[in-house]
Amino acid sequence: MATLIPSYSSCVSRMTSGEKRFAQRLEAKLEDDYLCWYDVPIGQSMRHPDFIVLHPRRGLLILEVMDWKLDTIQSISCWSVRSRAD
């Protein structure tokens, strides 16, 4: 089980529903040697990606979770997504 920093219980109140589901899957599906951070500032511009995943041999992965549903996507390409508001 991966380690989420801060713990899931301490940050669940500020997560979107998609982030909650994704955090649960990270903790449950990744092995013990993975570290996962939620909403931490990185870089000089202090950007806040949703998740940063680190594995000692496999490296670093920075993820942004989008709470899109299939029926709200109007069009999608390599560079953009157009969605309809609910």
PDB file of N, CA and C in Angstrom:
ATOM      1  N   MET A   1       0.840  -1.176   0.000  1.00  0.00           N
ATOM      2  CA  MET A   1       0.000   0.000   0.000  1.00  0.00           C
ATOM      3  C   MET A   1       0.887   1.242   0.000  1.00  0.00           C
ATOM      4  N   ALA A   2       0.653   2.147  -0.927  1.00  0.00           N
ATOM      5  CA  ALA A   2       1.424   3.379  -1.041  1.00  0.00           C
ATOM      6  C   ALA A   2       1.131   4.305   0.134  1.00  0.00           C
ATOM      7  N   THR A   3       2.049   5.221   0.391  1.00  0.00           N
ATOM      8  CA  THR A   3       1.873   6.203   1.449  1.00  0.00           C
ATOM      9  C   THR A   3       1.440   7.522   0.837  1.00  0.00           C
ATOM     10  N   LEU A   4       0.304   8.046   1.283  1.00  0.00           N
ATOM     11  CA  LEU A   4      -0.208   9.336   0.819  1.00  0.00           C
ATOM     12  C   LEU A   4       0.148  10.397   1.851  1.00  0.00           C
ATOM     13  N   ILE A   5       0.738  11.499   1.381  1.00  0.00           N
ATOM     14  CA  ILE A   5       1.158  12.590   2.247  1.00  0.00           C
ATOM     15  C   ILE A   5       0.477  13.867   1.764  1.00  0.00           C
ATOM     16  N   PRO A   6      -0.300  14.576   2.595  1.00  0.00           N
ATOM     17  CA  PRO A   6      -0.760  14.178   3.919  1.00  0.00           C
ATOM     18  C   PRO A   6      -1.700  12.990   3.822  1.00  0.00           C
ATOM     19  N   SER A   7      -2.033  12.416   4.939  1.00  0.00           N
ATOM     20  CA  SER A   7      -2.872  11.220   4.939  1.00  0.00           C
ATOM     21  C   SER A   7      -4.234  11.519   4.310  1.00  0.00           C
ATOM     22  N   TYR A   8      -4.839  10.488   3.773  1.00  0.00           N
ATOM     23  CA  TYR A   8      -6.140  10.622   3.109  1.00  0.00           C
ATOM     24  C   TYR A   8      -7.153  11.283   4.038  1.00  0.00           C
ATOM     25  N   SER A   9      -7.203  10.851   5.283  1.00  0.00           N
ATOM     26  CA  SER A   9      -8.206  11.380   6.210  1.00  0.00           C
ATOM     27  C   SER A   9      -8.016  12.867   6.503  1.00  0.00           C
ATOM     28  N   SER A  10      -6.790  13.367   6.391  1.00  0.00           N
ATOM     29  CA  SER A  10      -6.560  14.778   6.699  1.00  0.00           C
ATOM     30  C   SER A  10      -6.813  15.705   5.512  1.00  0.00           C
ATOM     31  N   CYS A  11      -6.888  15.176   4.306  1.00  0.00           N
ATOM     32  CA  CYS A  11      -7.091  16.052   3.151  1.00  0.00           C
ATOM     33  C   CYS A  11      -8.375  15.749   2.377  1.00  0.00           C
ATOM     34  N   VAL A  12      -9.145  14.771   2.793  1.00  0.00           N
ATOM     35  CA  VAL A  12     -10.338  14.368   2.046  1.00  0.00           C
ATOM     36  C   VAL A  12     -11.373  15.500   1.971  1.00  0.00           C
ATOM     37  N   SER A  13     -11.417  16.373   2.953  1.00  0.00           N
ATOM     38  CA  SER A  13     -12.419  17.442   2.958  1.00  0.00           C
ATOM     39  C   SER A  13     -12.196  18.474   1.853  1.00  0.00           C
ATOM     40  N   ARG A  14     -10.969  18.600   1.349  1.00  0.00           N
ATOM     41  CA  ARG A  14     -10.702  19.580   0.297  1.00  0.00           C
ATOM     42  C   ARG A  14     -10.523  18.950  -1.081  1.00  0.00           C
ATOM     43  N   MET A  15     -10.726  17.647  -1.207  1.00  0.00           N
ATOM     44  CA  MET A  15     -10.579  16.952  -2.487  1.00  0.00           C
ATOM     45  C   MET A  15     -11.894  16.953  -3.260  1.00  0.00           C
ATOM     46  N   THR A  16     -11.778  16.963  -4.593  1.00  0.00           N
ATOM     47  CA  THR A  16     -12.956  16.746  -5.430  1.00  0.00           C
ATOM     48  C   THR A  16     -13.296  15.251  -5.388  1.00  0.00           C
ATOM     49  N   SER A  17     -14.445  14.890  -5.905  1.00  0.00           N
ATOM     50  CA  SER A  17     -14.834  13.478  -5.884  1.00  0.00           C
ATOM     51  C   SER A  17     -13.862  12.627  -6.705  1.00  0.00           C
ATOM     52  N   GLY A  18     -13.382  13.148  -7.836  1.00  0.00           N
ATOM     53  CA  GLY A  18     -12.414  12.417  -8.655  1.00  0.00           C
ATOM     54  C   GLY A  18     -11.083  12.248  -7.949  1.00  0.00           C
ATOM     55  N   GLU A  19     -10.642  13.276  -7.236  1.00  0.00           N
ATOM     56  CA  GLU A  19      -9.394  13.190  -6.474  1.00  0.00           C
ATOM     57  C   GLU A  19      -9.505  12.182  -5.339  1.00  0.00           C
ATOM     58  N   LYS A  20     -10.664  12.132  -4.705  1.00  0.00           N
ATOM     59  CA  LYS A  20     -10.882  11.153  -3.621  1.00  0.00           C
ATOM     60  C   LYS A  20     -10.754   9.733  -4.158  1.00  0.00           C
ATOM     61  N   ARG A  21     -11.444   9.453  -5.264  1.00  0.00           N
ATOM     62  CA  ARG A  21     -11.386   8.113  -5.857  1.00  0.00           C
ATOM     63  C   ARG A  21      -9.967   7.767  -6.281  1.00  0.00           C
ATOM     64  N   PHE A  22      -9.276   8.730  -6.877  1.00  0.00           N
ATOM     65  CA  PHE A  22      -7.912   8.487  -7.346  1.00  0.00           C
ATOM     66  C   PHE A  22      -6.960   8.246  -6.182  1.00  0.00           C
ATOM     67  N   ALA A  23      -7.082   9.024  -5.108  1.00  0.00           N
ATOM     68  CA  ALA A  23      -6.225   8.848  -3.924  1.00  0.00           C
ATOM     69  C   ALA A  23      -6.435   7.470  -3.309  1.00  0.00           C
ATOM     70  N   GLN A  24      -7.678   7.022  -3.250  1.00  0.00           N
ATOM     71  CA  GLN A  24      -7.964   5.688  -2.714  1.00  0.00           C
ATOM     72  C   GLN A  24      -7.317   4.613  -3.560  1.00  0.00           C
ATOM     73  N   ARG A  25      -7.354   4.779  -4.868  1.00  0.00           N
ATOM     74  CA  ARG A  25      -6.738   3.795  -5.767  1.00  0.00           C
ATOM     75  C   ARG A  25      -5.211   3.808  -5.661  1.00  0.00           C
ATOM     76  N   LEU A  26      -4.630   4.997  -5.537  1.00  0.00           N
ATOM     77  CA  LEU A  26      -3.176   5.072  -5.357  1.00  0.00           C
ATOM     78  C   LEU A  26      -2.763   4.300  -4.111  1.00  0.00           C
ATOM     79  N   GLU A  27      -3.443   4.555  -3.006  1.00  0.00           N
ATOM     80  CA  GLU A  27      -3.102   3.874  -1.756  1.00  0.00           C
ATOM     81  C   GLU A  27      -3.293   2.366  -1.857  1.00  0.00           C
ATOM     82  N   ALA A  28      -4.366   1.939  -2.491  1.00  0.00           N
ATOM     83  CA  ALA A  28      -4.702   0.517  -2.534  1.00  0.00           C
ATOM     84  C   ALA A  28      -3.903  -0.275  -3.564  1.00  0.00           C
ATOM     85  N   LYS A  29      -3.631   0.321  -4.710  1.00  0.00           N
ATOM     86  CA  LYS A  29      -3.050  -0.435  -5.832  1.00  0.00           C
ATOM     87  C   LYS A  29      -1.532  -0.368  -5.940  1.00  0.00           C
ATOM     88  N   LEU A  30      -0.924   0.719  -5.448  1.00  0.00           N
ATOM     89  CA  LEU A  30       0.530   0.827  -5.549  1.00  0.00           C
ATOM     90  C   LEU A  30       1.210   0.082  -4.409  1.00  0.00           C
ATOM     91  N   GLU A  31       2.446  -0.317  -4.652  1.00  0.00           N
ATOM     92  CA  GLU A  31       3.206  -1.070  -3.655  1.00  0.00           C
ATOM     93  C   GLU A  31       3.695  -0.148  -2.538  1.00  0.00           C
ATOM     94  N   ASP A  32       4.230  -0.754  -1.475  1.00  0.00           N
ATOM     95  CA  ASP A  32       4.650  -0.029  -0.279  1.00  0.00           C
ATOM     96  C   ASP A  32       5.750   0.997  -0.514  1.00  0.00           C
ATOM     97  N   ASP A  33       6.571   0.821  -1.538  1.00  0.00           N
ATOM     98  CA  ASP A  33       7.695   1.732  -1.728  1.00  0.00           C
ATOM     99  C   ASP A  33       7.343   2.990  -2.531  1.00  0.00           C
ATOM    100  N   TYR A  34       6.067   3.212  -2.811  1.00  0.00           N
ATOM    101  CA  TYR A  34       5.620   4.432  -3.475  1.00  0.00           C
ATOM    102  C   TYR A  34       5.256   5.489  -2.440  1.00  0.00           C
ATOM    103  N   LEU A  35       5.663   6.729  -2.701  1.00  0.00           N
ATOM    104  CA  LEU A  35       5.235   7.877  -1.909  1.00  0.00           C
ATOM    105  C   LEU A  35       4.389   8.758  -2.809  1.00  0.00           C
ATOM    106  N   CYS A  36       3.252   9.223  -2.299  1.00  0.00           N
ATOM    107  CA  CYS A  36       2.342  10.052  -3.071  1.00  0.00           C
ATOM    108  C   CYS A  36       2.003  11.297  -2.263  1.00  0.00           C
ATOM    109  N   TRP A  37       2.159  12.460  -2.880  1.00  0.00           N
ATOM    110  CA  TRP A  37       1.810  13.712  -2.222  1.00  0.00           C
ATOM    111  C   TRP A  37       0.584  14.294  -2.887  1.00  0.00           C
ATOM    112  N   TYR A  38      -0.266  14.914  -2.081  1.00  0.00           N
ATOM    113  CA  TYR A  38      -1.458  15.577  -2.598  1.00  0.00           C
ATOM    114  C   TYR A  38      -1.329  17.087  -2.414  1.00  0.00           C
ATOM    115  N   ASP A  39      -1.510  17.836  -3.503  1.00  0.00           N
ATOM    116  CA  ASP A  39      -1.637  19.291  -3.480  1.00  0.00           C
ATOM    117  C   ASP A  39      -0.478  19.992  -2.774  1.00  0.00           C
ATOM    118  N   VAL A  40       0.741  19.701  -3.200  1.00  0.00           N
ATOM    119  CA  VAL A  40       1.916  20.382  -2.637  1.00  0.00           C
ATOM    120  C   VAL A  40       2.506  21.313  -3.690  1.00  0.00           C
ATOM    121  N   PRO A  41       3.025  22.481  -3.282  1.00  0.00           N
ATOM    122  CA  PRO A  41       3.606  23.412  -4.252  1.00  0.00           C
ATOM    123  C   PRO A  41       4.945  22.906  -4.779  1.00  0.00           C
ATOM    124  N   ILE A  42       5.154  23.071  -6.094  1.00  0.00           N
ATOM    125  CA  ILE A  42       6.433  22.674  -6.692  1.00  0.00           C
ATOM    126  C   ILE A  42       6.926  23.779  -7.623  1.00  0.00           C
ATOM    127  N   GLY A  43       8.225  23.864  -7.764  1.00  0.00           N
ATOM    128  CA  GLY A  43       8.840  24.796  -8.703  1.00  0.00           C
ATOM    129  C   GLY A  43       8.812  26.239  -8.240  1.00  0.00           C
ATOM    130  N   GLN A  44       9.470  27.088  -9.014  1.00  0.00           N
ATOM    131  CA  GLN A  44       9.537  28.509  -8.683  1.00  0.00           C
ATOM    132  C   GLN A  44       8.174  29.182  -8.756  1.00  0.00           C
ATOM    133  N   SER A  45       7.310  28.686  -9.625  1.00  0.00           N
ATOM    134  CA  SER A  45       5.978  29.282  -9.760  1.00  0.00           C
ATOM    135  C   SER A  45       4.997  28.763  -8.711  1.00  0.00           C
ATOM    136  N   MET A  46       5.462  27.818  -7.880  1.00  0.00           N
ATOM    137  CA  MET A  46       4.642  27.270  -6.784  1.00  0.00           C
ATOM    138  C   MET A  46       3.312  26.692  -7.292  1.00  0.00           C
ATOM    139  N   ARG A  47       3.368  25.953  -8.381  1.00  0.00           N
ATOM    140  CA  ARG A  47       2.168  25.287  -8.911  1.00  0.00           C
ATOM    141  C   ARG A  47       1.759  24.167  -7.971  1.00  0.00           C
ATOM    142  N   HIS A  48       0.487  23.859  -7.944  1.00  0.00           N
ATOM    143  CA  HIS A  48      -0.060  22.825  -7.066  1.00  0.00           C
ATOM    144  C   HIS A  48      -0.696  21.710  -7.901  1.00  0.00           C
ATOM    145  N   PRO A  49       0.078  20.750  -8.394  1.00  0.00           N
ATOM    146  CA  PRO A  49      -0.557  19.619  -9.086  1.00  0.00           C
ATOM    147  C   PRO A  49      -1.352  18.799  -8.079  1.00  0.00           C
ATOM    148  N   ASP A  50      -2.310  18.028  -8.567  1.00  0.00           N
ATOM    149  CA  ASP A  50      -3.128  17.221  -7.652  1.00  0.00           C
ATOM    150  C   ASP A  50      -2.288  16.175  -6.943  1.00  0.00           C
ATOM    151  N   PHE A  51      -1.495  15.416  -7.692  1.00  0.00           N
ATOM    152  CA  PHE A  51      -0.710  14.339  -7.089  1.00  0.00           C
ATOM    153  C   PHE A  51       0.699  14.309  -7.654  1.00  0.00           C
ATOM    154  N   ILE A  52       1.649  13.988  -6.788  1.00  0.00           N
ATOM    155  CA  ILE A  52       3.022  13.704  -7.175  1.00  0.00           C
ATOM    156  C   ILE A  52       3.316  12.302  -6.661  1.00  0.00           C
ATOM    157  N   VAL A  53       3.735  11.421  -7.553  1.00  0.00           N
ATOM    158  CA  VAL A  53       3.997  10.026  -7.197  1.00  0.00           C
ATOM    159  C   VAL A  53       5.491   9.770  -7.391  1.00  0.00           C
ATOM    160  N   LEU A  54       6.135   9.208  -6.366  1.00  0.00           N
ATOM    161  CA  LEU A  54       7.560   8.930  -6.426  1.00  0.00           C
ATOM    162  C   LEU A  54       7.832   7.468  -6.100  1.00  0.00           C
ATOM    163  N   HIS A  55       8.613   6.844  -6.965  1.00  0.00           N
ATOM    164  CA  HIS A  55       9.101   5.489  -6.714  1.00  0.00           C
ATOM    165  C   HIS A  55      10.626   5.560  -6.813  1.00  0.00           C
ATOM    166  N   PRO A  56      11.361   4.939  -5.887  1.00  0.00           N
ATOM    167  CA  PRO A  56      12.820   5.073  -5.873  1.00  0.00           C
ATOM    168  C   PRO A  56      13.526   4.634  -7.154  1.00  0.00           C
ATOM    169  N   ARG A  57      13.004   3.646  -7.859  1.00  0.00           N
ATOM    170  CA  ARG A  57      13.647   3.182  -9.098  1.00  0.00           C
ATOM    171  C   ARG A  57      12.925   3.645 -10.355  1.00  0.00           C
ATOM    172  N   ARG A  58      11.628   3.814 -10.283  1.00  0.00           N
ATOM    173  CA  ARG A  58      10.857   4.162 -11.478  1.00  0.00           C
ATOM    174  C   ARG A  58      10.766   5.660 -11.728  1.00  0.00           C
ATOM    175  N   GLY A  59      10.951   6.477 -10.700  1.00  0.00           N
ATOM    176  CA  GLY A  59      10.986   7.921 -10.891  1.00  0.00           C
ATOM    177  C   GLY A  59       9.770   8.657 -10.379  1.00  0.00           C
ATOM    178  N   LEU A  60       9.553   9.815 -10.973  1.00  0.00           N
ATOM    179  CA  LEU A  60       8.569  10.786 -10.515  1.00  0.00           C
ATOM    180  C   LEU A  60       7.469  10.949 -11.554  1.00  0.00           C
ATOM    181  N   LEU A  61       6.242  11.054 -11.086  1.00  0.00           N
ATOM    182  CA  LEU A  61       5.095  11.263 -11.958  1.00  0.00           C
ATOM    183  C   LEU A  61       4.234  12.357 -11.343  1.00  0.00           C
ATOM    184  N   ILE A  62       3.904  13.378 -12.139  1.00  0.00           N
ATOM    185  CA  ILE A  62       3.077  14.483 -11.663  1.00  0.00           C
ATOM    186  C   ILE A  62       1.737  14.393 -12.387  1.00  0.00           C
ATOM    187  N   LEU A  63       0.644  14.395 -11.610  1.00  0.00           N
ATOM    188  CA  LEU A  63      -0.687  14.140 -12.174  1.00  0.00           C
ATOM    189  C   LEU A  63      -1.688  15.228 -11.804  1.00  0.00           C
ATOM    190  N   GLU A  64      -2.535  15.546 -12.742  1.00  0.00           N
ATOM    191  CA  GLU A  64      -3.665  16.441 -12.527  1.00  0.00           C
ATOM    192  C   GLU A  64      -4.927  15.642 -12.828  1.00  0.00           C
ATOM    193  N   VAL A  65      -5.815  15.532 -11.864  1.00  0.00           N
ATOM    194  CA  VAL A  65      -7.033  14.740 -12.018  1.00  0.00           C
ATOM    195  C   VAL A  65      -8.140  15.641 -12.562  1.00  0.00           C
ATOM    196  N   MET A  66      -8.770  15.201 -13.625  1.00  0.00           N
ATOM    197  CA  MET A  66      -9.886  15.949 -14.210  1.00  0.00           C
ATOM    198  C   MET A  66     -11.175  15.181 -13.944  1.00  0.00           C
ATOM    199  N   ASP A  67     -12.161  15.851 -13.407  1.00  0.00           N
ATOM    200  CA  ASP A  67     -13.441  15.211 -13.064  1.00  0.00           C
ATOM    201  C   ASP A  67     -14.425  15.278 -14.224  1.00  0.00           C
ATOM    202  N   TRP A  68     -13.991  14.808 -15.381  1.00  0.00           N
ATOM    203  CA  TRP A  68     -14.839  14.817 -16.555  1.00  0.00           C
ATOM    204  C   TRP A  68     -15.673  13.548 -16.597  1.00  0.00           C
ATOM    205  N   LYS A  69     -16.858  13.697 -17.123  1.00  0.00           N
ATOM    206  CA  LYS A  69     -17.717  12.540 -17.384  1.00  0.00           C
ATOM    207  C   LYS A  69     -17.900  12.447 -18.897  1.00  0.00           C
ATOM    208  N   LEU A  70     -18.024  11.247 -19.383  1.00  0.00           N
ATOM    209  CA  LEU A  70     -18.112  11.026 -20.819  1.00  0.00           C
ATOM    210  C   LEU A  70     -19.241  11.837 -21.468  1.00  0.00           C
ATOM    211  N   ASP A  71     -20.374  11.932 -20.790  1.00  0.00           N
ATOM    212  CA  ASP A  71     -21.510  12.637 -21.401  1.00  0.00           C
ATOM    213  C   ASP A  71     -21.360  14.161 -21.370  1.00  0.00           C
ATOM    214  N   THR A  72     -20.358  14.712 -20.689  1.00  0.00           N
ATOM    215  CA  THR A  72     -20.148  16.163 -20.680  1.00  0.00           C
ATOM    216  C   THR A  72     -19.058  16.609 -21.648  1.00  0.00           C
ATOM    217  N   ILE A  73     -18.338  15.678 -22.261  1.00  0.00           N
ATOM    218  CA  ILE A  73     -17.275  16.040 -23.206  1.00  0.00           C
ATOM    219  C   ILE A  73     -17.877  16.244 -24.591  1.00  0.00           C
ATOM    220  N   GLN A  74     -17.712  17.471 -25.118  1.00  0.00           N
ATOM    221  CA  GLN A  74     -18.220  17.770 -26.453  1.00  0.00           C
ATOM    222  C   GLN A  74     -17.212  17.382 -27.525  1.00  0.00           C
ATOM    223  N   SER A  75     -15.936  17.707 -27.298  1.00  0.00           N
ATOM    224  CA  SER A  75     -14.892  17.333 -28.249  1.00  0.00           C
ATOM    225  C   SER A  75     -13.567  17.242 -27.499  1.00  0.00           C
ATOM    226  N   ILE A  76     -12.644  16.465 -28.070  1.00  0.00           N
ATOM    227  CA  ILE A  76     -11.347  16.276 -27.438  1.00  0.00           C
ATOM    228  C   ILE A  76     -10.295  16.081 -28.524  1.00  0.00           C
ATOM    229  N   SER A  77      -9.129  16.663 -28.300  1.00  0.00           N
ATOM    230  CA  SER A  77      -8.000  16.500 -29.215  1.00  0.00           C
ATOM    231  C   SER A  77      -6.746  16.326 -28.366  1.00  0.00           C
ATOM    232  N   CYS A  78      -5.603  16.258 -29.029  1.00  0.00           N
ATOM    233  CA  CYS A  78      -4.328  16.141 -28.306  1.00  0.00           C
ATOM    234  C   CYS A  78      -4.052  17.366 -27.453  1.00  0.00           C
ATOM    235  N   TRP A  79      -4.617  18.500 -27.808  1.00  0.00           N
ATOM    236  CA  TRP A  79      -4.269  19.761 -27.154  1.00  0.00           C
ATOM    237  C   TRP A  79      -5.398  20.395 -26.365  1.00  0.00           C
ATOM    238  N   SER A  80      -6.621  19.978 -26.550  1.00  0.00           N
ATOM    239  CA  SER A  80      -7.708  20.650 -25.850  1.00  0.00           C
ATOM    240  C   SER A  80      -8.911  19.738 -25.647  1.00  0.00           C
ATOM    241  N   VAL A  81      -9.711  20.134 -24.686  1.00  0.00           N
ATOM    242  CA  VAL A  81     -10.966  19.443 -24.407  1.00  0.00           C
ATOM    243  C   VAL A  81     -12.040  20.505 -24.288  1.00  0.00           C
ATOM    244  N   ARG A  82     -13.145  20.259 -24.932  1.00  0.00           N
ATOM    245  CA  ARG A  82     -14.283  21.147 -24.814  1.00  0.00           C
ATOM    246  C   ARG A  82     -15.382  20.381 -24.119  1.00  0.00           C
ATOM    247  N   SER A  83     -15.849  20.949 -22.996  1.00  0.00           N
ATOM    248  CA  SER A  83     -16.879  20.252 -22.228  1.00  0.00           C
ATOM    249  C   SER A  83     -18.087  21.140 -22.056  1.00  0.00           C
ATOM    250  N   ARG A  84     -19.188  20.515 -21.761  1.00  0.00           N
ATOM    251  CA  ARG A  84     -20.438  21.208 -21.534  1.00  0.00           C
ATOM    252  C   ARG A  84     -20.634  21.303 -20.024  1.00  0.00           C
ATOM    253  N   ALA A  85     -21.065  22.454 -19.552  1.00  0.00           N
ATOM    254  CA  ALA A  85     -21.292  22.645 -18.120  1.00  0.00           C
ATOM    255  C   ALA A  85     -22.535  21.870 -17.685  1.00  0.00           C
ATOM    256  N   ASP A  86     -22.463  21.317 -16.477  1.00  0.00           N
ATOM    257  CA  ASP A  86     -23.631  20.574 -15.947  1.00  0.00           C
ATOM    258  C   ASP A  86     -24.699  21.517 -15.459  1.00  0.00           C
TER     259      ASP A  86
END
